[in-house]
Amino acid sequence: MSTKGGRAAARPRPRTPAEKLRRKAQAMSFLALEALAKIMLDKDAPAPVKLAAAREVMDRGYGRPKVGCEFDAPEGLTVIVKRFSEVTPEDEAEADATEAAL
């Protein structure tokens, strides 16, 4: 089996099961995206299901958000993280006053 240059035509290498699966999934990705869009726009779908579909669409379009992003915080900024069960009425009043001042 010769070609013009006298070399044999290259045979495609055998694909592994993982490669075959990946190609099939990629071929169906448009249909999967359409299915996610239908779920997002379905007025009868539960909110958590719609949110999960929207998250999947965003992840595919823009990639997953990076965790631990850096930002320039104003000097003296303090962030306190508490469990909901640890929040006191005084904490809530202080947060409300801070939000009202903004």
PDB file of N, CA and C in Angstrom:
ATOM      1  N   MET A   1       0.830  -1.172   0.000  1.00  0.00           N
ATOM      2  CA  MET A   1       0.000   0.000   0.000  1.00  0.00           C
ATOM      3  C   MET A   1       0.881   1.244   0.000  1.00  0.00           C
ATOM      4  N   SER A   2       1.106   1.819  -1.153  1.00  0.00           N
ATOM      5  CA  SER A   2       1.995   2.968  -1.272  1.00  0.00           C
ATOM      6  C   SER A   2       1.212   4.224  -1.580  1.00  0.00           C
ATOM      7  N   THR A   3       1.801   5.334  -1.198  1.00  0.00           N
ATOM      8  CA  THR A   3       1.254   6.648  -1.544  1.00  0.00           C
ATOM      9  C   THR A   3       2.246   7.315  -2.471  1.00  0.00           C
ATOM     10  N   LYS A   4       2.032   8.569  -2.843  1.00  0.00           N
ATOM     11  CA  LYS A   4       2.906   9.260  -3.795  1.00  0.00           C
ATOM     12  C   LYS A   4       4.358   9.305  -3.362  1.00  0.00           C
ATOM     13  N   GLY A   5       4.618   9.534  -2.102  1.00  0.00           N
ATOM     14  CA  GLY A   5       5.992   9.657  -1.628  1.00  0.00           C
ATOM     15  C   GLY A   5       6.671   8.323  -1.436  1.00  0.00           C
ATOM     16  N   GLY A   6       6.003   7.246  -1.716  1.00  0.00           N
ATOM     17  CA  GLY A   6       6.602   5.942  -1.559  1.00  0.00           C
ATOM     18  C   GLY A   6       6.452   5.382  -0.153  1.00  0.00           C
ATOM     19  N   ARG A   7       5.808   6.151   0.736  1.00  0.00           N
ATOM     20  CA  ARG A   7       5.621   5.668   2.099  1.00  0.00           C
ATOM     21  C   ARG A   7       4.257   5.022   2.237  1.00  0.00           C
ATOM     22  N   ALA A   8       4.158   4.102   3.128  1.00  0.00           N
ATOM     23  CA  ALA A   8       2.870   3.451   3.390  1.00  0.00           C
ATOM     24  C   ALA A   8       1.949   4.426   4.108  1.00  0.00           C
ATOM     25  N   ALA A   9       0.678   4.323   3.824  1.00  0.00           N
ATOM     26  CA  ALA A   9      -0.302   5.187   4.495  1.00  0.00           C
ATOM     27  C   ALA A   9      -0.350   4.843   5.975  1.00  0.00           C
ATOM     28  N   ALA A  10      -0.426   5.874   6.802  1.00  0.00           N
ATOM     29  CA  ALA A  10      -0.462   5.656   8.254  1.00  0.00           C
ATOM     30  C   ALA A  10      -1.802   5.060   8.656  1.00  0.00           C
ATOM     31  N   ARG A  11      -1.737   4.050   9.483  1.00  0.00           N
ATOM     32  CA  ARG A  11      -2.959   3.442   9.994  1.00  0.00           C
ATOM     33  C   ARG A  11      -3.334   4.112  11.303  1.00  0.00           C
ATOM     34  N   PRO A  12      -4.616   4.318  11.511  1.00  0.00           N
ATOM     35  CA  PRO A  12      -4.993   4.912  12.804  1.00  0.00           C
ATOM     36  C   PRO A  12      -4.688   3.931  13.930  1.00  0.00           C
ATOM     37  N   ARG A  13      -4.156   4.451  15.013  1.00  0.00           N
ATOM     38  CA  ARG A  13      -3.814   3.571  16.128  1.00  0.00           C
ATOM     39  C   ARG A  13      -5.095   3.099  16.817  1.00  0.00           C
ATOM     40  N   PRO A  14      -5.075   1.943  17.411  1.00  0.00           N
ATOM     41  CA  PRO A  14      -6.275   1.457  18.087  1.00  0.00           C
ATOM     42  C   PRO A  14      -6.596   2.349  19.288  1.00  0.00           C
ATOM     43  N   ARG A  15      -7.854   2.610  19.495  1.00  0.00           N
ATOM     44  CA  ARG A  15      -8.279   3.471  20.595  1.00  0.00           C
ATOM     45  C   ARG A  15      -8.580   2.634  21.824  1.00  0.00           C
ATOM     46  N   THR A  16      -8.263   3.206  22.987  1.00  0.00           N
ATOM     47  CA  THR A  16      -8.588   2.533  24.243  1.00  0.00           C
ATOM     48  C   THR A  16     -10.071   2.741  24.524  1.00  0.00           C
ATOM     49  N   PRO A  17     -10.653   1.932  25.398  1.00  0.00           N
ATOM     50  CA  PRO A  17     -12.063   2.140  25.757  1.00  0.00           C
ATOM     51  C   PRO A  17     -12.321   3.542  26.315  1.00  0.00           C
ATOM     52  N   ALA A  18     -11.374   4.085  27.072  1.00  0.00           N
ATOM     53  CA  ALA A  18     -11.544   5.432  27.625  1.00  0.00           C
ATOM     54  C   ALA A  18     -11.584   6.478  26.513  1.00  0.00           C
ATOM     55  N   GLU A  19     -10.730   6.320  25.495  1.00  0.00           N
ATOM     56  CA  GLU A  19     -10.730   7.262  24.366  1.00  0.00           C
ATOM     57  C   GLU A  19     -12.036   7.171  23.582  1.00  0.00           C
ATOM     58  N   LYS A  20     -12.509   5.951  23.382  1.00  0.00           N
ATOM     59  CA  LYS A  20     -13.778   5.779  22.662  1.00  0.00           C
ATOM     60  C   LYS A  20     -14.916   6.435  23.419  1.00  0.00           C
ATOM     61  N   LEU A  21     -14.943   6.248  24.733  1.00  0.00           N
ATOM     62  CA  LEU A  21     -15.990   6.843  25.557  1.00  0.00           C
ATOM     63  C   LEU A  21     -15.924   8.361  25.515  1.00  0.00           C
ATOM     64  N   ARG A  22     -14.707   8.907  25.601  1.00  0.00           N
ATOM     65  CA  ARG A  22     -14.539  10.367  25.557  1.00  0.00           C
ATOM     66  C   ARG A  22     -15.049  10.936  24.234  1.00  0.00           C
ATOM     67  N   ARG A  23     -14.734  10.267  23.125  1.00  0.00           N
ATOM     68  CA  ARG A  23     -15.193  10.739  21.809  1.00  0.00           C
ATOM     69  C   ARG A  23     -16.715  10.700  21.696  1.00  0.00           C
ATOM     70  N   LYS A  24     -17.320   9.635  22.223  1.00  0.00           N
ATOM     71  CA  LYS A  24     -18.778   9.538  22.188  1.00  0.00           C
ATOM     72  C   LYS A  24     -19.405  10.646  23.027  1.00  0.00           C
ATOM     73  N   ALA A  25     -18.840  10.891  24.203  1.00  0.00           N
ATOM     74  CA  ALA A  25     -19.356  11.943  25.078  1.00  0.00           C
ATOM     75  C   ALA A  25     -19.211  13.318  24.411  1.00  0.00           C
ATOM     76  N   GLN A  26     -18.091  13.554  23.777  1.00  0.00           N
ATOM     77  CA  GLN A  26     -17.888  14.833  23.097  1.00  0.00           C
ATOM     78  C   GLN A  26     -18.868  15.009  21.950  1.00  0.00           C
ATOM     79  N   ALA A  27     -19.167  13.921  21.251  1.00  0.00           N
ATOM     80  CA  ALA A  27     -20.115  14.000  20.143  1.00  0.00           C
ATOM     81  C   ALA A  27     -21.524  14.330  20.633  1.00  0.00           C
ATOM     82  N   MET A  28     -21.831  13.961  21.870  1.00  0.00           N
ATOM     83  CA  MET A  28     -23.168  14.198  22.412  1.00  0.00           C
ATOM     84  C   MET A  28     -23.243  15.446  23.291  1.00  0.00           C
ATOM     85  N   SER A  29     -22.159  16.199  23.396  1.00  0.00           N
ATOM     86  CA  SER A  29     -22.119  17.330  24.321  1.00  0.00           C
ATOM     87  C   SER A  29     -23.153  18.405  23.991  1.00  0.00           C
ATOM     88  N   PHE A  30     -23.421  18.624  22.707  1.00  0.00           N
ATOM     89  CA  PHE A  30     -24.417  19.639  22.343  1.00  0.00           C
ATOM     90  C   PHE A  30     -25.796  19.233  22.859  1.00  0.00           C
ATOM     91  N   LEU A  31     -26.132  17.958  22.722  1.00  0.00           N
ATOM     92  CA  LEU A  31     -27.416  17.471  23.227  1.00  0.00           C
ATOM     93  C   LEU A  31     -27.495  17.598  24.742  1.00  0.00           C
ATOM     94  N   ALA A  32     -26.394  17.320  25.417  1.00  0.00           N
ATOM     95  CA  ALA A  32     -26.363  17.446  26.874  1.00  0.00           C
ATOM     96  C   ALA A  32     -26.568  18.897  27.298  1.00  0.00           C
ATOM     97  N   LEU A  33     -25.942  19.823  26.590  1.00  0.00           N
ATOM     98  CA  LEU A  33     -26.107  21.232  26.904  1.00  0.00           C
ATOM     99  C   LEU A  33     -27.547  21.672  26.674  1.00  0.00           C
ATOM    100  N   GLU A  34     -28.161  21.189  25.620  1.00  0.00           N
ATOM    101  CA  GLU A  34     -29.574  21.508  25.374  1.00  0.00           C
ATOM    102  C   GLU A  34     -30.458  20.961  26.485  1.00  0.00           C
ATOM    103  N   ALA A  35     -30.166  19.753  26.970  1.00  0.00           N
ATOM    104  CA  ALA A  35     -30.951  19.159  28.058  1.00  0.00           C
ATOM    105  C   ALA A  35     -30.820  19.993  29.332  1.00  0.00           C
ATOM    106  N   LEU A  36     -29.593  20.448  29.625  1.00  0.00           N
ATOM    107  CA  LEU A  36     -29.397  21.301  30.796  1.00  0.00           C
ATOM    108  C   LEU A  36     -30.160  22.610  30.656  1.00  0.00           C
ATOM    109  N   ALA A  37     -30.175  23.176  29.462  1.00  0.00           N
ATOM    110  CA  ALA A  37     -30.898  24.425  29.231  1.00  0.00           C
ATOM    111  C   ALA A  37     -32.400  24.224  29.437  1.00  0.00           C
ATOM    112  N   LYS A  38     -32.921  23.092  28.986  1.00  0.00           N
ATOM    113  CA  LYS A  38     -34.347  22.812  29.184  1.00  0.00           C
ATOM    114  C   LYS A  38     -34.681  22.711  30.660  1.00  0.00           C
ATOM    115  N   ILE A  39     -33.810  22.072  31.425  1.00  0.00           N
ATOM    116  CA  ILE A  39     -34.039  21.957  32.868  1.00  0.00           C
ATOM    117  C   ILE A  39     -34.017  23.340  33.508  1.00  0.00           C
ATOM    118  N   MET A  40     -33.044  24.174  33.118  1.00  0.00           N
ATOM    119  CA  MET A  40     -32.938  25.520  33.676  1.00  0.00           C
ATOM    120  C   MET A  40     -34.196  26.341  33.420  1.00  0.00           C
ATOM    121  N   LEU A  41     -34.779  26.178  32.246  1.00  0.00           N
ATOM    122  CA  LEU A  41     -35.920  27.004  31.847  1.00  0.00           C
ATOM    123  C   LEU A  41     -37.271  26.387  32.204  1.00  0.00           C
ATOM    124  N   ASP A  42     -37.272  25.174  32.750  1.00  0.00           N
ATOM    125  CA  ASP A  42     -38.508  24.493  33.109  1.00  0.00           C
ATOM    126  C   ASP A  42     -39.099  25.136  34.357  1.00  0.00           C
ATOM    127  N   LYS A  43     -40.264  25.752  34.224  1.00  0.00           N
ATOM    128  CA  LYS A  43     -40.868  26.455  35.362  1.00  0.00           C
ATOM    129  C   LYS A  43     -41.319  25.505  36.459  1.00  0.00           C
ATOM    130  N   ASP A  44     -41.513  24.225  36.135  1.00  0.00           N
ATOM    131  CA  ASP A  44     -41.960  23.251  37.124  1.00  0.00           C
ATOM    132  C   ASP A  44     -40.810  22.506  37.804  1.00  0.00           C
ATOM    133  N   ALA A  45     -39.594  22.718  37.346  1.00  0.00           N
ATOM    134  CA  ALA A  45     -38.441  22.032  37.944  1.00  0.00           C
ATOM    135  C   ALA A  45     -38.141  22.644  39.307  1.00  0.00           C
ATOM    136  N   PRO A  46     -37.747  21.809  40.269  1.00  0.00           N
ATOM    137  CA  PRO A  46     -37.383  22.346  41.596  1.00  0.00           C
ATOM    138  C   PRO A  46     -36.162  23.265  41.487  1.00  0.00           C
ATOM    139  N   ALA A  47     -36.130  24.255  42.338  1.00  0.00           N
ATOM    140  CA  ALA A  47     -35.051  25.249  42.307  1.00  0.00           C
ATOM    141  C   ALA A  47     -33.664  24.614  42.425  1.00  0.00           C
ATOM    142  N   PRO A  48     -33.434  23.638  43.320  1.00  0.00           N
ATOM    143  CA  PRO A  48     -32.084  23.060  43.395  1.00  0.00           C
ATOM    144  C   PRO A  48     -31.661  22.371  42.094  1.00  0.00           C
ATOM    145  N   VAL A  49     -32.614  21.782  41.390  1.00  0.00           N
ATOM    146  CA  VAL A  49     -32.298  21.117  40.123  1.00  0.00           C
ATOM    147  C   VAL A  49     -31.936  22.161  39.073  1.00  0.00           C
ATOM    148  N   LYS A  50     -32.682  23.265  39.047  1.00  0.00           N
ATOM    149  CA  LYS A  50     -32.392  24.341  38.094  1.00  0.00           C
ATOM    150  C   LYS A  50     -31.018  24.952  38.381  1.00  0.00           C
ATOM    151  N   LEU A  51     -30.726  25.137  39.663  1.00  0.00           N
ATOM    152  CA  LEU A  51     -29.430  25.688  40.051  1.00  0.00           C
ATOM    153  C   LEU A  51     -28.295  24.763  39.633  1.00  0.00           C
ATOM    154  N   ALA A  52     -28.461  23.463  39.840  1.00  0.00           N
ATOM    155  CA  ALA A  52     -27.423  22.506  39.452  1.00  0.00           C
ATOM    156  C   ALA A  52     -27.208  22.528  37.942  1.00  0.00           C
ATOM    157  N   ALA A  53     -28.288  22.614  37.172  1.00  0.00           N
ATOM    158  CA  ALA A  53     -28.166  22.668  35.712  1.00  0.00           C
ATOM    159  C   ALA A  53     -27.446  23.948  35.291  1.00  0.00           C
ATOM    160  N   ALA A  54     -27.813  25.072  35.907  1.00  0.00           N
ATOM    161  CA  ALA A  54     -27.166  26.344  35.575  1.00  0.00           C
ATOM    162  C   ALA A  54     -25.676  26.296  35.901  1.00  0.00           C
ATOM    163  N   ARG A  55     -25.337  25.687  37.040  1.00  0.00           N
ATOM    164  CA  ARG A  55     -23.929  25.585  37.434  1.00  0.00           C
ATOM    165  C   ARG A  55     -23.154  24.749  36.413  1.00  0.00           C
ATOM    166  N   GLU A  56     -23.744  23.666  35.958  1.00  0.00           N
ATOM    167  CA  GLU A  56     -23.073  22.819  34.966  1.00  0.00           C
ATOM    168  C   GLU A  56     -22.848  23.580  33.663  1.00  0.00           C
ATOM    169  N   VAL A  57     -23.838  24.347  33.234  1.00  0.00           N
ATOM    170  CA  VAL A  57     -23.697  25.131  32.002  1.00  0.00           C
ATOM    171  C   VAL A  57     -22.582  26.161  32.163  1.00  0.00           C
ATOM    172  N   MET A  58     -22.566  26.861  33.289  1.00  0.00           N
ATOM    173  CA  MET A  58     -21.539  27.877  33.523  1.00  0.00           C
ATOM    174  C   MET A  58     -20.142  27.243  33.588  1.00  0.00           C
ATOM    175  N   ASP A  59     -20.034  26.088  34.239  1.00  0.00           N
ATOM    176  CA  ASP A  59     -18.741  25.415  34.328  1.00  0.00           C
ATOM    177  C   ASP A  59     -18.206  25.057  32.945  1.00  0.00           C
ATOM    178  N   ARG A  60     -19.086  24.649  32.058  1.00  0.00           N
ATOM    179  CA  ARG A  60     -18.644  24.271  30.719  1.00  0.00           C
ATOM    180  C   ARG A  60     -18.318  25.490  29.869  1.00  0.00           C
ATOM    181  N   GLY A  61     -19.044  26.567  30.082  1.00  0.00           N
ATOM    182  CA  GLY A  61     -18.808  27.766  29.287  1.00  0.00           C
ATOM    183  C   GLY A  61     -17.616  28.580  29.754  1.00  0.00           C
ATOM    184  N   TYR A  62     -17.414  28.651  31.067  1.00  0.00           N
ATOM    185  CA  TYR A  62     -16.382  29.533  31.602  1.00  0.00           C
ATOM    186  C   TYR A  62     -15.380  28.836  32.500  1.00  0.00           C
ATOM    187  N   GLY A  63     -15.572  27.546  32.750  1.00  0.00           N
ATOM    188  CA  GLY A  63     -14.678  26.827  33.657  1.00  0.00           C
ATOM    189  C   GLY A  63     -15.121  27.019  35.094  1.00  0.00           C
ATOM    190  N   ARG A  64     -14.653  26.154  35.939  1.00  0.00           N
ATOM    191  CA  ARG A  64     -15.017  26.256  37.347  1.00  0.00           C
ATOM    192  C   ARG A  64     -14.306  27.445  37.972  1.00  0.00           C
ATOM    193  N   PRO A  65     -14.971  28.126  38.907  1.00  0.00           N
ATOM    194  CA  PRO A  65     -14.321  29.263  39.549  1.00  0.00           C
ATOM    195  C   PRO A  65     -13.127  28.816  40.378  1.00  0.00           C
ATOM    196  N   LYS A  66     -12.123  29.650  40.415  1.00  0.00           N
ATOM    197  CA  LYS A  66     -10.937  29.336  41.200  1.00  0.00           C
ATOM    198  C   LYS A  66     -11.251  29.570  42.670  1.00  0.00           C
ATOM    199  N   VAL A  67     -10.811  28.657  43.501  1.00  0.00           N
ATOM    200  CA  VAL A  67     -11.031  28.773  44.938  1.00  0.00           C
ATOM    201  C   VAL A  67      -9.888  29.562  45.540  1.00  0.00           C
ATOM    202  N   GLY A  68     -10.218  30.422  46.478  1.00  0.00           N
ATOM    203  CA  GLY A  68      -9.181  31.174  47.167  1.00  0.00           C
ATOM    204  C   GLY A  68      -8.619  32.309  46.343  1.00  0.00           C
ATOM    205  N   CYS A  69      -9.467  32.996  45.599  1.00  0.00           N
ATOM    206  CA  CYS A  69      -8.974  34.105  44.794  1.00  0.00           C
ATOM    207  C   CYS A  69      -8.458  35.220  45.698  1.00  0.00           C
ATOM    208  N   GLU A  70      -7.528  35.970  45.186  1.00  0.00           N
ATOM    209  CA  GLU A  70      -6.938  37.052  45.951  1.00  0.00           C
ATOM    210  C   GLU A  70      -7.572  38.377  45.559  1.00  0.00           C
ATOM    211  N   PHE A  71      -7.658  39.290  46.520  1.00  0.00           N
ATOM    212  CA  PHE A  71      -8.171  40.624  46.246  1.00  0.00           C
ATOM    213  C   PHE A  71      -7.481  41.594  47.181  1.00  0.00           C
ATOM    214  N   ASP A  72      -7.518  42.848  46.807  1.00  0.00           N
ATOM    215  CA  ASP A  72      -6.921  43.890  47.636  1.00  0.00           C
ATOM    216  C   ASP A  72      -7.947  44.333  48.668  1.00  0.00           C
ATOM    217  N   ALA A  73      -7.742  43.921  49.897  1.00  0.00           N
ATOM    218  CA  ALA A  73      -8.670  44.268  50.976  1.00  0.00           C
ATOM    219  C   ALA A  73      -8.272  45.610  51.568  1.00  0.00           C
ATOM    220  N   PRO A  74      -9.264  46.401  51.929  1.00  0.00           N
ATOM    221  CA  PRO A  74      -8.940  47.657  52.606  1.00  0.00           C
ATOM    222  C   PRO A  74      -8.208  47.378  53.918  1.00  0.00           C
ATOM    223  N   GLU A  75      -7.343  48.293  54.293  1.00  0.00           N
ATOM    224  CA  GLU A  75      -6.603  48.136  55.537  1.00  0.00           C
ATOM    225  C   GLU A  75      -7.571  48.045  56.706  1.00  0.00           C
ATOM    226  N   GLY A  76      -7.319  47.107  57.589  1.00  0.00           N
ATOM    227  CA  GLY A  76      -8.150  46.966  58.782  1.00  0.00           C
ATOM    228  C   GLY A  76      -9.398  46.123  58.571  1.00  0.00           C
ATOM    229  N   LEU A  77      -9.569  45.516  57.388  1.00  0.00           N
ATOM    230  CA  LEU A  77     -10.738  44.676  57.140  1.00  0.00           C
ATOM    231  C   LEU A  77     -10.598  43.367  57.908  1.00  0.00           C
ATOM    232  N   THR A  78     -11.626  43.029  58.653  1.00  0.00           N
ATOM    233  CA  THR A  78     -11.638  41.784  59.400  1.00  0.00           C
ATOM    234  C   THR A  78     -12.838  40.966  58.963  1.00  0.00           C
ATOM    235  N   VAL A  79     -12.604  39.714  58.651  1.00  0.00           N
ATOM    236  CA  VAL A  79     -13.686  38.817  58.261  1.00  0.00           C
ATOM    237  C   VAL A  79     -13.826  37.757  59.341  1.00  0.00           C
ATOM    238  N   ILE A  80     -15.032  37.631  59.881  1.00  0.00           N
ATOM    239  CA  ILE A  80     -15.295  36.636  60.915  1.00  0.00           C
ATOM    240  C   ILE A  80     -16.285  35.634  60.346  1.00  0.00           C
ATOM    241  N   VAL A  81     -15.907  34.373  60.361  1.00  0.00           N
ATOM    242  CA  VAL A  81     -16.770  33.315  59.845  1.00  0.00           C
ATOM    243  C   VAL A  81     -17.332  32.546  61.034  1.00  0.00           C
ATOM    244  N   LYS A  82     -18.671  32.476  61.109  1.00  0.00           N
ATOM    245  CA  LYS A  82     -19.331  31.750  62.190  1.00  0.00           C
ATOM    246  C   LYS A  82     -20.328  30.776  61.614  1.00  0.00           C
ATOM    247  N   ARG A  83     -20.548  29.701  62.338  1.00  0.00           N
ATOM    248  CA  ARG A  83     -21.638  28.800  61.979  1.00  0.00           C
ATOM    249  C   ARG A  83     -22.946  29.505  62.309  1.00  0.00           C
ATOM    250  N   PHE A  84     -23.993  29.163  61.569  1.00  0.00           N
ATOM    251  CA  PHE A  84     -25.282  29.806  61.795  1.00  0.00           C
ATOM    252  C   PHE A  84     -25.720  29.642  63.248  1.00  0.00           C
ATOM    253  N   SER A  85     -25.451  28.479  63.812  1.00  0.00           N
ATOM    254  CA  SER A  85     -25.874  28.218  65.199  1.00  0.00           C
ATOM    255  C   SER A  85     -25.120  29.086  66.207  1.00  0.00           C
ATOM    256  N   GLU A  86     -24.001  29.673  65.813  1.00  0.00           N
ATOM    257  CA  GLU A  86     -23.193  30.501  66.712  1.00  0.00           C
ATOM    258  C   GLU A  86     -23.565  31.986  66.646  1.00  0.00           C
ATOM    259  N   VAL A  87     -24.409  32.376  65.706  1.00  0.00           N
ATOM    260  CA  VAL A  87     -24.751  33.787  65.537  1.00  0.00           C
ATOM    261  C   VAL A  87     -25.738  34.199  66.626  1.00  0.00           C
ATOM    262  N   THR A  88     -25.388  35.272  67.338  1.00  0.00           N
ATOM    263  CA  THR A  88     -26.244  35.769  68.424  1.00  0.00           C
ATOM    264  C   THR A  88     -27.130  36.894  67.904  1.00  0.00           C
ATOM    265  N   PRO A  89     -28.178  37.226  68.627  1.00  0.00           N
ATOM    266  CA  PRO A  89     -29.008  38.374  68.222  1.00  0.00           C
ATOM    267  C   PRO A  89     -28.200  39.665  68.131  1.00  0.00           C
ATOM    268  N   GLU A  90     -27.182  39.813  68.980  1.00  0.00           N
ATOM    269  CA  GLU A  90     -26.333  41.007  68.926  1.00  0.00           C
ATOM    270  C   GLU A  90     -25.544  41.048  67.617  1.00  0.00           C
ATOM    271  N   ASP A  91     -25.063  39.869  67.183  1.00  0.00           N
ATOM    272  CA  ASP A  91     -24.348  39.793  65.906  1.00  0.00           C
ATOM    273  C   ASP A  91     -25.260  40.212  64.756  1.00  0.00           C
ATOM    274  N   GLU A  92     -26.504  39.737  64.779  1.00  0.00           N
ATOM    275  CA  GLU A  92     -27.459  40.087  63.721  1.00  0.00           C
ATOM    276  C   GLU A  92     -27.737  41.579  63.712  1.00  0.00           C
ATOM    277  N   ALA A  93     -27.911  42.170  64.900  1.00  0.00           N
ATOM    278  CA  ALA A  93     -28.183  43.615  64.985  1.00  0.00           C
ATOM    279  C   ALA A  93     -26.995  44.414  64.460  1.00  0.00           C
ATOM    280  N   GLU A  94     -25.783  43.977  64.788  1.00  0.00           N
ATOM    281  CA  GLU A  94     -24.582  44.669  64.321  1.00  0.00           C
ATOM    282  C   GLU A  94     -24.461  44.571  62.789  1.00  0.00           C
ATOM    283  N   ALA A  95     -24.771  43.401  62.242  1.00  0.00           N
ATOM    284  CA  ALA A  95     -24.704  43.219  60.786  1.00  0.00           C
ATOM    285  C   ALA A  95     -25.757  44.094  60.109  1.00  0.00           C
ATOM    286  N   ASP A  96     -26.958  44.163  60.670  1.00  0.00           N
ATOM    287  CA  ASP A  96     -28.016  44.992  60.102  1.00  0.00           C
ATOM    288  C   ASP A  96     -27.619  46.467  60.118  1.00  0.00           C
ATOM    289  N   ALA A  97     -27.011  46.905  61.211  1.00  0.00           N
ATOM    290  CA  ALA A  97     -26.583  48.302  61.299  1.00  0.00           C
ATOM    291  C   ALA A  97     -25.494  48.612  60.275  1.00  0.00           C
ATOM    292  N   THR A  98     -24.577  47.664  60.069  1.00  0.00           N
ATOM    293  CA  THR A  98     -23.503  47.863  59.091  1.00  0.00           C
ATOM    294  C   THR A  98     -24.071  47.946  57.681  1.00  0.00           C
ATOM    295  N   GLU A  99     -25.039  47.064  57.366  1.00  0.00           N
ATOM    296  CA  GLU A  99     -25.651  47.075  56.027  1.00  0.00           C
ATOM    297  C   GLU A  99     -26.446  48.361  55.808  1.00  0.00           C
ATOM    298  N   ALA A 100     -27.101  48.851  56.836  1.00  0.00           N
ATOM    299  CA  ALA A 100     -27.879  50.091  56.706  1.00  0.00           C
ATOM    300  C   ALA A 100     -26.969  51.282  56.452  1.00  0.00           C
ATOM    301  N   ALA A 101     -25.766  51.252  56.995  1.00  0.00           N
ATOM    302  CA  ALA A 101     -24.819  52.356  56.836  1.00  0.00           C
ATOM    303  C   ALA A 101     -24.277  52.411  55.408  1.00  0.00           C
ATOM    304  N   LEU A 102     -24.312  51.293  54.719  1.00  0.00           N
ATOM    305  CA  LEU A 102     -23.784  51.267  53.351  1.00  0.00           C
ATOM    306  C   LEU A 102     -24.799  51.880  52.465  1.00  0.00           C
TER     307      LEU A 102
END
